[in-house]
Protein backbone atom coordinates (compact mmCIF):
# COMPACT_ATOMS: atom_id res chain seq x y z
CA UNK A 1 100.98 83.12 104.55
CA UNK A 2 97.81 85.11 104.16
CA UNK A 3 98.55 87.96 101.78
CA UNK A 4 98.32 91.41 103.29
CA UNK A 5 97.68 94.45 101.18
CA UNK A 6 99.00 97.99 101.52
CA UNK A 7 98.03 101.13 99.64
CA UNK A 8 100.36 103.29 97.62
CA UNK A 9 100.24 105.95 100.31
CA UNK A 10 101.29 103.38 102.92
CA UNK A 11 104.17 102.27 100.67
CA UNK A 12 105.13 105.93 100.28
CA UNK A 13 105.32 106.56 104.04
CA UNK A 14 107.02 103.24 104.72
CA UNK A 15 109.70 103.92 102.11
CA UNK A 16 110.49 107.34 103.58
CA UNK A 17 110.65 106.07 107.17
CA UNK A 18 112.69 103.07 106.02
CA UNK A 19 115.16 105.28 104.12
CA UNK A 20 115.70 107.78 106.93
CA UNK A 21 115.89 105.26 109.80
CA UNK A 22 119.28 103.77 110.67
CA UNK A 23 120.98 106.14 108.20
CA UNK A 24 119.88 109.02 110.48
CA UNK A 25 120.82 107.04 113.58
CA UNK A 26 124.31 106.20 112.27
CA UNK A 27 124.70 109.51 110.39
CA UNK A 28 125.43 108.22 106.92
CA UNK A 29 128.23 110.10 105.19
CA UNK A 30 129.74 111.25 108.46
CA UNK A 31 133.25 111.12 106.97
CA UNK A 32 132.30 113.51 104.16
CA UNK A 33 132.60 116.60 106.36
CA UNK A 34 131.69 119.82 104.53
CA UNK A 35 131.16 117.85 101.32
CA UNK A 36 128.20 115.94 102.76
CA UNK A 37 125.64 117.66 100.55
CA UNK A 38 127.60 116.73 97.39
CA UNK A 39 127.87 113.14 98.55
CA UNK A 40 124.17 112.92 99.40
CA UNK A 41 122.95 114.38 96.12
CA UNK A 42 125.16 112.12 93.96
CA UNK A 43 124.32 109.05 96.07
CA UNK A 44 120.62 109.89 95.72
CA UNK A 45 120.92 109.85 91.93
CA UNK A 46 122.79 106.53 91.97
CA UNK A 47 120.35 105.15 94.53
CA UNK A 48 117.47 106.11 92.26
CA UNK A 49 119.06 104.04 89.50
CA UNK A 50 119.25 101.08 91.88
CA UNK A 51 115.59 101.57 92.77
CA UNK A 52 114.66 101.56 89.07
CA UNK A 53 116.51 98.23 88.66
CA UNK A 54 114.74 96.75 91.71
CA UNK A 55 111.38 97.92 90.36
CA UNK A 56 112.16 96.65 86.88
CA UNK A 57 112.85 93.18 88.26
CA UNK A 58 109.54 93.15 90.05
CA UNK A 59 107.70 94.59 87.01
CA UNK A 60 109.07 92.04 84.58
CA UNK A 61 107.90 89.25 86.87
CA UNK A 62 104.43 90.69 87.30
CA UNK A 63 105.14 91.88 90.85
CA UNK A 64 105.44 88.31 92.02
CA UNK A 65 106.97 87.53 95.41
CA UNK A 66 110.76 87.63 95.64
CA UNK A 67 110.67 83.88 96.30
CA UNK A 68 109.04 83.16 92.90
CA UNK A 69 111.33 85.65 91.13
CA UNK A 70 114.52 84.02 92.39
CA UNK A 71 113.20 80.50 91.75
CA UNK A 72 112.24 81.51 88.22
CA UNK A 73 115.65 83.02 87.49
CA UNK A 74 117.92 80.44 89.15
CA UNK A 75 115.71 77.35 89.07
CA UNK A 76 113.75 75.65 91.81
CA UNK A 77 116.62 74.19 93.86
CA UNK A 78 119.26 76.90 93.47
CA UNK A 79 116.59 79.60 93.61
CA UNK A 80 115.28 78.30 96.92
CA UNK A 81 118.82 78.32 98.28
CA UNK A 82 119.29 81.94 97.19
CA UNK A 83 115.93 82.79 98.78
CA UNK A 84 117.06 81.35 102.13
CA UNK A 85 120.34 83.26 101.87
CA UNK A 86 118.43 86.48 101.24
CA UNK A 87 116.17 85.68 104.18
CA UNK A 88 119.27 85.42 106.35
CA UNK A 89 120.54 88.70 104.95
CA UNK A 90 117.30 90.53 105.73
CA UNK A 91 117.11 89.12 109.26
CA UNK A 92 120.77 89.97 109.88
CA UNK A 93 120.23 93.57 108.73
CA UNK A 94 117.18 93.75 110.96
CA UNK A 95 119.25 92.39 113.84
CA UNK A 96 121.85 95.10 113.27
CA UNK A 97 119.18 97.81 113.50
CA UNK A 98 117.71 96.20 116.61
CA UNK A 99 121.16 96.35 118.26
CA UNK A 100 121.70 99.95 117.11
CA UNK A 101 118.27 100.98 118.42
CA UNK A 102 118.88 99.22 121.71
CA UNK A 103 122.23 100.92 122.16
CA UNK A 104 120.67 104.29 121.37
CA UNK A 105 117.84 103.74 123.90
CA UNK A 106 120.33 102.66 126.57
CA UNK A 107 122.53 105.70 125.85
CA UNK A 108 119.73 108.29 125.80
CA UNK A 109 116.61 107.38 127.73
CA UNK A 110 117.30 104.19 129.76
CA UNK A 111 120.81 104.66 131.09
CA UNK A 112 121.98 101.74 133.18
CA UNK A 113 119.14 99.49 132.05
CA UNK A 114 119.86 95.90 131.04
CA UNK A 115 120.32 95.47 127.30
CA UNK A 116 118.28 92.25 127.46
CA UNK A 117 115.37 94.20 128.96
CA UNK A 118 115.59 96.90 126.28
CA UNK A 119 115.85 94.39 123.42
CA UNK A 120 113.06 92.32 124.93
CA UNK A 121 110.64 95.28 125.07
CA UNK A 122 111.60 96.24 121.53
CA UNK A 123 111.09 92.70 120.26
CA UNK A 124 107.71 92.47 121.95
CA UNK A 125 106.44 95.51 120.04
CA UNK A 126 107.81 94.16 116.77
CA UNK A 127 106.28 90.73 117.34
CA UNK A 128 102.91 92.28 118.17
CA UNK A 129 103.04 94.25 114.89
CA UNK A 130 103.89 91.08 112.96
CA UNK A 131 100.99 89.26 114.58
CA UNK A 132 98.56 91.99 113.48
CA UNK A 133 99.80 91.76 109.91
CA UNK A 134 101.84 93.94 107.60
CA UNK A 135 98.77 95.92 106.51
CA UNK A 136 98.50 97.12 110.13
CA UNK A 137 102.15 98.18 110.06
CA UNK A 138 101.38 100.05 106.84
CA UNK A 139 98.46 101.90 108.42
CA UNK A 140 100.59 102.75 111.44
CA UNK A 141 103.27 104.21 109.15
CA UNK A 142 100.69 106.61 107.69
CA UNK A 143 99.90 107.97 111.15
CA UNK A 144 103.39 108.07 112.59
CA UNK A 145 104.87 109.53 109.43
CA UNK A 146 103.11 112.76 110.26
CA UNK A 147 104.41 112.57 113.83
CA UNK A 148 107.96 112.47 112.42
CA UNK A 149 107.26 115.44 110.14
CA UNK A 150 105.73 117.46 112.95
CA UNK A 151 108.76 116.63 115.11
CA UNK A 152 111.04 118.06 112.43
CA UNK A 153 109.34 121.51 112.50
CA UNK A 154 110.61 122.58 115.94
CA UNK A 155 114.04 121.21 115.03
CA UNK A 156 114.27 123.41 111.96
CA UNK A 157 113.02 126.47 113.81
CA UNK A 158 115.30 125.82 116.78
CA UNK A 159 118.44 125.30 114.70
CA UNK A 160 118.09 128.50 112.70
CA UNK A 161 116.87 130.73 115.54
CA UNK A 162 119.32 129.66 118.24
CA UNK A 163 122.36 131.15 116.48
CA UNK A 164 124.37 127.96 116.94
CA UNK A 165 124.39 126.99 113.24
CA UNK A 166 127.70 127.92 111.57
CA UNK A 167 127.85 128.04 107.78
CA UNK A 168 131.65 128.23 107.93
CA UNK A 169 131.66 124.51 108.72
CA UNK A 170 130.78 123.84 105.04
CA UNK A 171 133.98 125.35 103.70
CA UNK A 172 136.31 124.65 102.01
CA UNK A 173 134.44 122.53 99.43
CA UNK A 174 136.35 119.58 97.91
CA UNK A 175 139.59 120.80 99.50
CA UNK A 176 141.46 117.68 98.40
CA UNK A 177 139.66 117.15 95.10
CA UNK A 178 136.73 115.03 94.05
CA UNK A 179 138.54 111.72 94.62
CA UNK A 180 138.27 112.11 98.37
CA UNK A 181 134.46 111.80 98.35
CA UNK A 182 134.22 108.84 95.93
CA UNK A 183 134.42 106.19 98.70
CA UNK A 184 131.76 108.03 100.70
CA UNK A 185 129.52 108.29 97.61
CA UNK A 186 129.72 104.51 97.22
CA UNK A 187 128.98 103.84 100.91
CA UNK A 188 126.07 106.29 100.92
CA UNK A 189 124.68 104.67 97.79
CA UNK A 190 124.57 101.15 99.20
CA UNK A 191 123.61 102.44 102.65
CA UNK A 192 120.79 103.46 102.73
CA UNK A 193 119.64 103.46 99.11
CA UNK A 194 120.76 99.95 98.26
CA UNK A 195 118.82 98.67 101.22
CA UNK A 196 115.65 99.31 99.21
CA UNK A 197 116.20 95.82 97.84
CA UNK A 198 113.90 94.75 100.69
CA UNK A 199 110.98 96.45 98.90
CA UNK A 200 111.03 93.65 96.32
CA UNK A 201 109.09 91.87 99.05
CA UNK A 202 106.77 94.86 99.57
CA UNK A 203 105.85 95.62 95.91
CA UNK A 204 103.60 92.52 95.56
CA UNK A 205 101.51 93.79 98.51
CA UNK A 206 100.29 96.76 96.46
CA UNK A 207 96.90 95.99 94.74
CA UNK A 208 97.04 95.27 91.03
CA UNK A 209 95.11 98.43 90.10
CA UNK A 210 97.72 100.62 91.79
CA UNK A 211 100.81 98.76 90.57
CA UNK A 212 101.49 101.03 87.56
CA UNK A 213 102.07 103.94 89.96
CA UNK A 214 104.63 102.16 92.16
CA UNK A 215 107.68 103.65 90.39
CA UNK A 216 106.28 107.18 90.41
CA UNK A 217 105.33 107.02 94.08
CA UNK A 218 108.69 105.44 94.87
CA UNK A 219 110.54 108.33 93.26
CA UNK A 220 108.50 110.82 95.25
CA UNK A 221 109.34 108.97 98.44
CA UNK A 222 113.04 108.90 97.47
CA UNK A 223 113.03 112.66 97.01
CA UNK A 224 111.34 113.29 100.34
CA UNK A 225 113.58 110.82 102.17
CA UNK A 226 116.72 112.39 100.64
CA UNK A 227 115.57 115.84 101.76
CA UNK A 228 115.16 114.62 105.33
CA UNK A 229 118.53 112.83 105.29
CA UNK A 230 120.23 115.90 103.84
CA UNK A 231 118.56 118.12 106.42
CA UNK A 232 119.85 115.93 109.30
CA UNK A 233 123.39 115.84 107.88
CA UNK A 234 123.46 119.60 107.28
CA UNK A 235 122.24 120.20 110.88
CA UNK A 236 124.98 117.94 112.23
CA UNK A 237 127.80 119.57 110.29
CA UNK A 238 126.49 123.13 110.77
CA UNK A 239 126.15 122.69 114.54
CA UNK A 240 128.92 120.30 115.50
CA UNK A 241 131.49 120.66 112.80
CA UNK A 242 133.37 117.91 110.99
CA UNK A 243 135.45 116.66 113.93
CA UNK A 244 132.61 116.34 116.43
CA UNK A 245 130.35 114.63 113.86
CA UNK A 246 133.09 112.05 113.35
CA UNK A 247 133.72 111.55 117.08
CA UNK A 248 130.13 111.41 118.36
CA UNK A 249 128.35 108.06 118.14
CA UNK A 250 124.92 109.74 117.71
CA UNK A 251 125.67 113.18 116.26
CA UNK A 252 122.01 113.91 115.43
CA UNK A 253 121.04 113.46 119.09
CA UNK A 254 124.06 115.42 120.32
CA UNK A 255 123.51 118.31 117.88
CA UNK A 256 119.86 118.65 118.93
CA UNK A 257 120.95 118.50 122.56
CA UNK A 258 123.10 121.59 121.99
CA UNK A 259 120.19 123.60 120.58
CA UNK A 260 118.44 125.67 123.24
CA UNK A 261 114.96 127.04 122.52
CA UNK A 262 113.42 129.25 125.16
CA UNK A 263 110.10 130.06 123.51
CA UNK A 264 108.25 126.75 123.19
CA UNK A 265 110.85 124.06 124.08
CA UNK A 266 113.72 123.97 126.53
CA UNK A 267 115.23 120.90 124.85
CA UNK A 268 114.97 119.45 121.37
CA UNK A 269 116.79 116.14 121.87
CA UNK A 270 113.55 114.31 122.93
CA UNK A 271 112.16 115.09 119.45
CA UNK A 272 115.30 113.63 117.92
CA UNK A 273 114.74 110.45 119.97
CA UNK A 274 111.12 110.23 118.74
CA UNK A 275 112.30 110.53 115.14
CA UNK A 276 115.05 107.91 115.60
CA UNK A 277 112.87 105.38 117.43
CA UNK A 278 109.89 105.72 115.07
CA UNK A 279 111.88 105.35 111.87
CA UNK A 280 114.01 102.49 113.16
CA UNK A 281 110.91 100.59 114.29
CA UNK A 282 109.43 100.55 110.80
CA UNK A 283 112.72 99.63 109.20
CA UNK A 284 113.06 96.67 111.55
CA UNK A 285 109.51 95.63 110.69
CA UNK A 286 110.16 95.76 106.92
CA UNK A 287 113.37 93.69 107.26
CA UNK A 288 111.73 91.23 109.63
CA UNK A 289 108.69 90.79 107.35
CA UNK A 290 110.96 90.34 104.35
CA UNK A 291 113.05 87.66 106.10
CA UNK A 292 110.16 85.65 107.52
CA UNK A 293 108.05 85.86 104.34
CA UNK A 294 110.93 84.40 102.29
CA UNK A 295 111.20 81.49 104.74
CA UNK A 296 107.46 80.97 104.37
CA UNK A 297 107.81 81.10 100.58
CA UNK A 298 110.20 78.12 100.62
CA UNK A 299 108.63 76.15 103.50
CA UNK A 300 104.92 76.59 102.85
CA UNK A 301 103.80 74.93 106.09
CA UNK A 302 105.79 77.32 108.30
CA UNK A 303 103.66 80.31 109.18
CA UNK A 304 105.57 83.56 109.55
CA UNK A 305 103.68 84.31 112.81
CA UNK A 306 104.95 81.08 114.30
CA UNK A 307 108.61 81.62 113.44
CA UNK A 308 108.60 85.35 114.29
CA UNK A 309 108.72 84.82 118.05
CA UNK A 310 111.62 82.33 118.24
CA UNK A 311 113.67 84.43 115.79
CA UNK A 312 113.12 87.53 117.89
CA UNK A 313 114.03 85.62 121.08
CA UNK A 314 117.30 84.45 119.47
CA UNK A 315 118.00 88.05 118.39
CA UNK A 316 117.50 89.32 121.94
CA UNK A 317 119.68 86.60 123.45
CA UNK A 318 122.46 87.15 120.93
CA UNK A 319 122.24 90.92 121.28
CA UNK A 320 122.41 90.76 125.07
CA UNK A 321 125.06 88.02 125.31
CA UNK A 322 127.35 89.24 122.53
CA UNK A 323 126.80 92.85 123.35
CA UNK A 324 129.03 95.12 121.24
CA UNK A 325 130.10 98.59 122.11
CA UNK A 326 128.46 101.42 120.23
CA UNK A 327 131.68 102.10 118.34
CA UNK A 328 132.03 98.44 117.24
CA UNK A 329 128.48 98.33 116.04
CA UNK A 330 128.87 101.60 114.16
CA UNK A 331 132.04 100.33 112.46
CA UNK A 332 130.18 97.19 111.36
CA UNK A 333 127.36 99.25 109.84
CA UNK A 334 129.39 102.00 108.17
CA UNK A 335 132.57 100.19 107.13
CA UNK A 336 132.38 96.38 107.22
CA UNK A 337 128.92 95.83 105.75
CA UNK A 338 129.30 98.29 102.80
CA UNK A 339 132.65 96.65 101.94
CA UNK A 340 131.89 92.94 102.17
CA UNK A 341 128.14 92.26 102.55
CA UNK A 342 126.04 94.92 100.82
CA UNK A 343 127.73 94.73 97.38
CA UNK A 344 126.71 91.06 97.06
CA UNK A 345 123.04 91.41 98.04
CA UNK A 346 122.33 94.93 96.79
CA UNK A 347 124.46 95.10 93.63
CA UNK A 348 125.84 91.81 92.27
CA UNK A 349 122.83 89.49 92.64
CA UNK A 350 120.14 92.07 91.76
CA UNK A 351 122.01 93.13 88.60
CA UNK A 352 122.39 89.47 87.57
CA UNK A 353 118.70 88.84 88.23
CA UNK A 354 117.78 91.99 86.27
CA UNK A 355 119.86 91.00 83.23
CA UNK A 356 118.42 87.46 83.13
CA UNK A 357 114.91 88.85 83.62
CA UNK A 358 115.36 91.30 80.74
CA UNK A 359 116.49 88.47 78.48
CA UNK A 360 113.51 86.31 79.39
CA UNK A 361 110.70 88.83 79.73
CA UNK A 362 111.75 92.03 77.95
CA UNK A 363 109.13 91.69 75.25
CA UNK A 364 106.45 89.92 77.30
CA UNK A 365 106.49 90.77 81.03
CA UNK A 366 104.46 88.48 83.25
CA UNK A 367 100.96 89.78 83.95
CA UNK A 368 100.28 90.53 87.61
CA UNK A 369 97.52 88.66 89.38
CA UNK A 370 95.95 89.54 92.73
CA UNK A 371 97.26 86.25 94.18
CA UNK A 372 100.92 87.24 93.70
């Protein structure tokens, strides 16, 4: 695979869009109720620790590709097997977001449309982006990141000028003690912060001269992304209340639909759709690039552009044929995955790789080369 390069600024915007994507769509921490801000802040701290571990792994190996890192840690044969398993994990997570995005589009802007048609159009845009190269996706993220920020401005103004926001929804705080929020803190840590494991594939794309600033820029992106996530969750609770947030499939969309602004906008829910679709698109691209690049790392003769199309076709066919309800898909994302899948790929294996890497390269990290 020809190596693409992205700048630190592109990594910054990609990380923010990635972090706020499906977590905003699914409303991470929806069971926390009035304690959502406590859950988000603690999860952000724990997520930052995970990000440091991910970065440390990449740093100790000279920002090599994730394929070379896993083969170095586990050996050529076992490492290649782990690489293929991670590739399947990334593609599966991308598939989940594709289904979530398709359901959201069908529910909001294309009611009654065939799911196969919706997924096909979405897959076509993703495939086109993959054909242009990841550096093109990085440049697009710089531009559309500002579109997302601009879209948030009317939302903030509308929420606090419409009189619909109720601060009473945030009380009482920790009514049943701190233990009640511990499960939500864990879930919010692995989703979305633990999903940053995919950036082990992105770090090598940053030029060697800019590599020392990756951690600093990453922390800045984490802070900005957490602020946006916290803002969305606070809007949802303040407008809808705990019960409606729990019952609505897309509480962010529904809360913005309830906000009426008579000065500049009659409706704010189209801006919510723009935010959701833009952020989810880039998260899908990151996952899809991570999955296909790992396959290419093991099977050198298979170009990621060649395998991208058939994988996307299979995703569309599976998504349309085995179409799940919005509630079933939401349960898979918020309950099943954080319990059975994410701990393995975001906690157990990365921590093991980190420990082995520290033992091998603590004193003499591998020097990065521009061919990594």
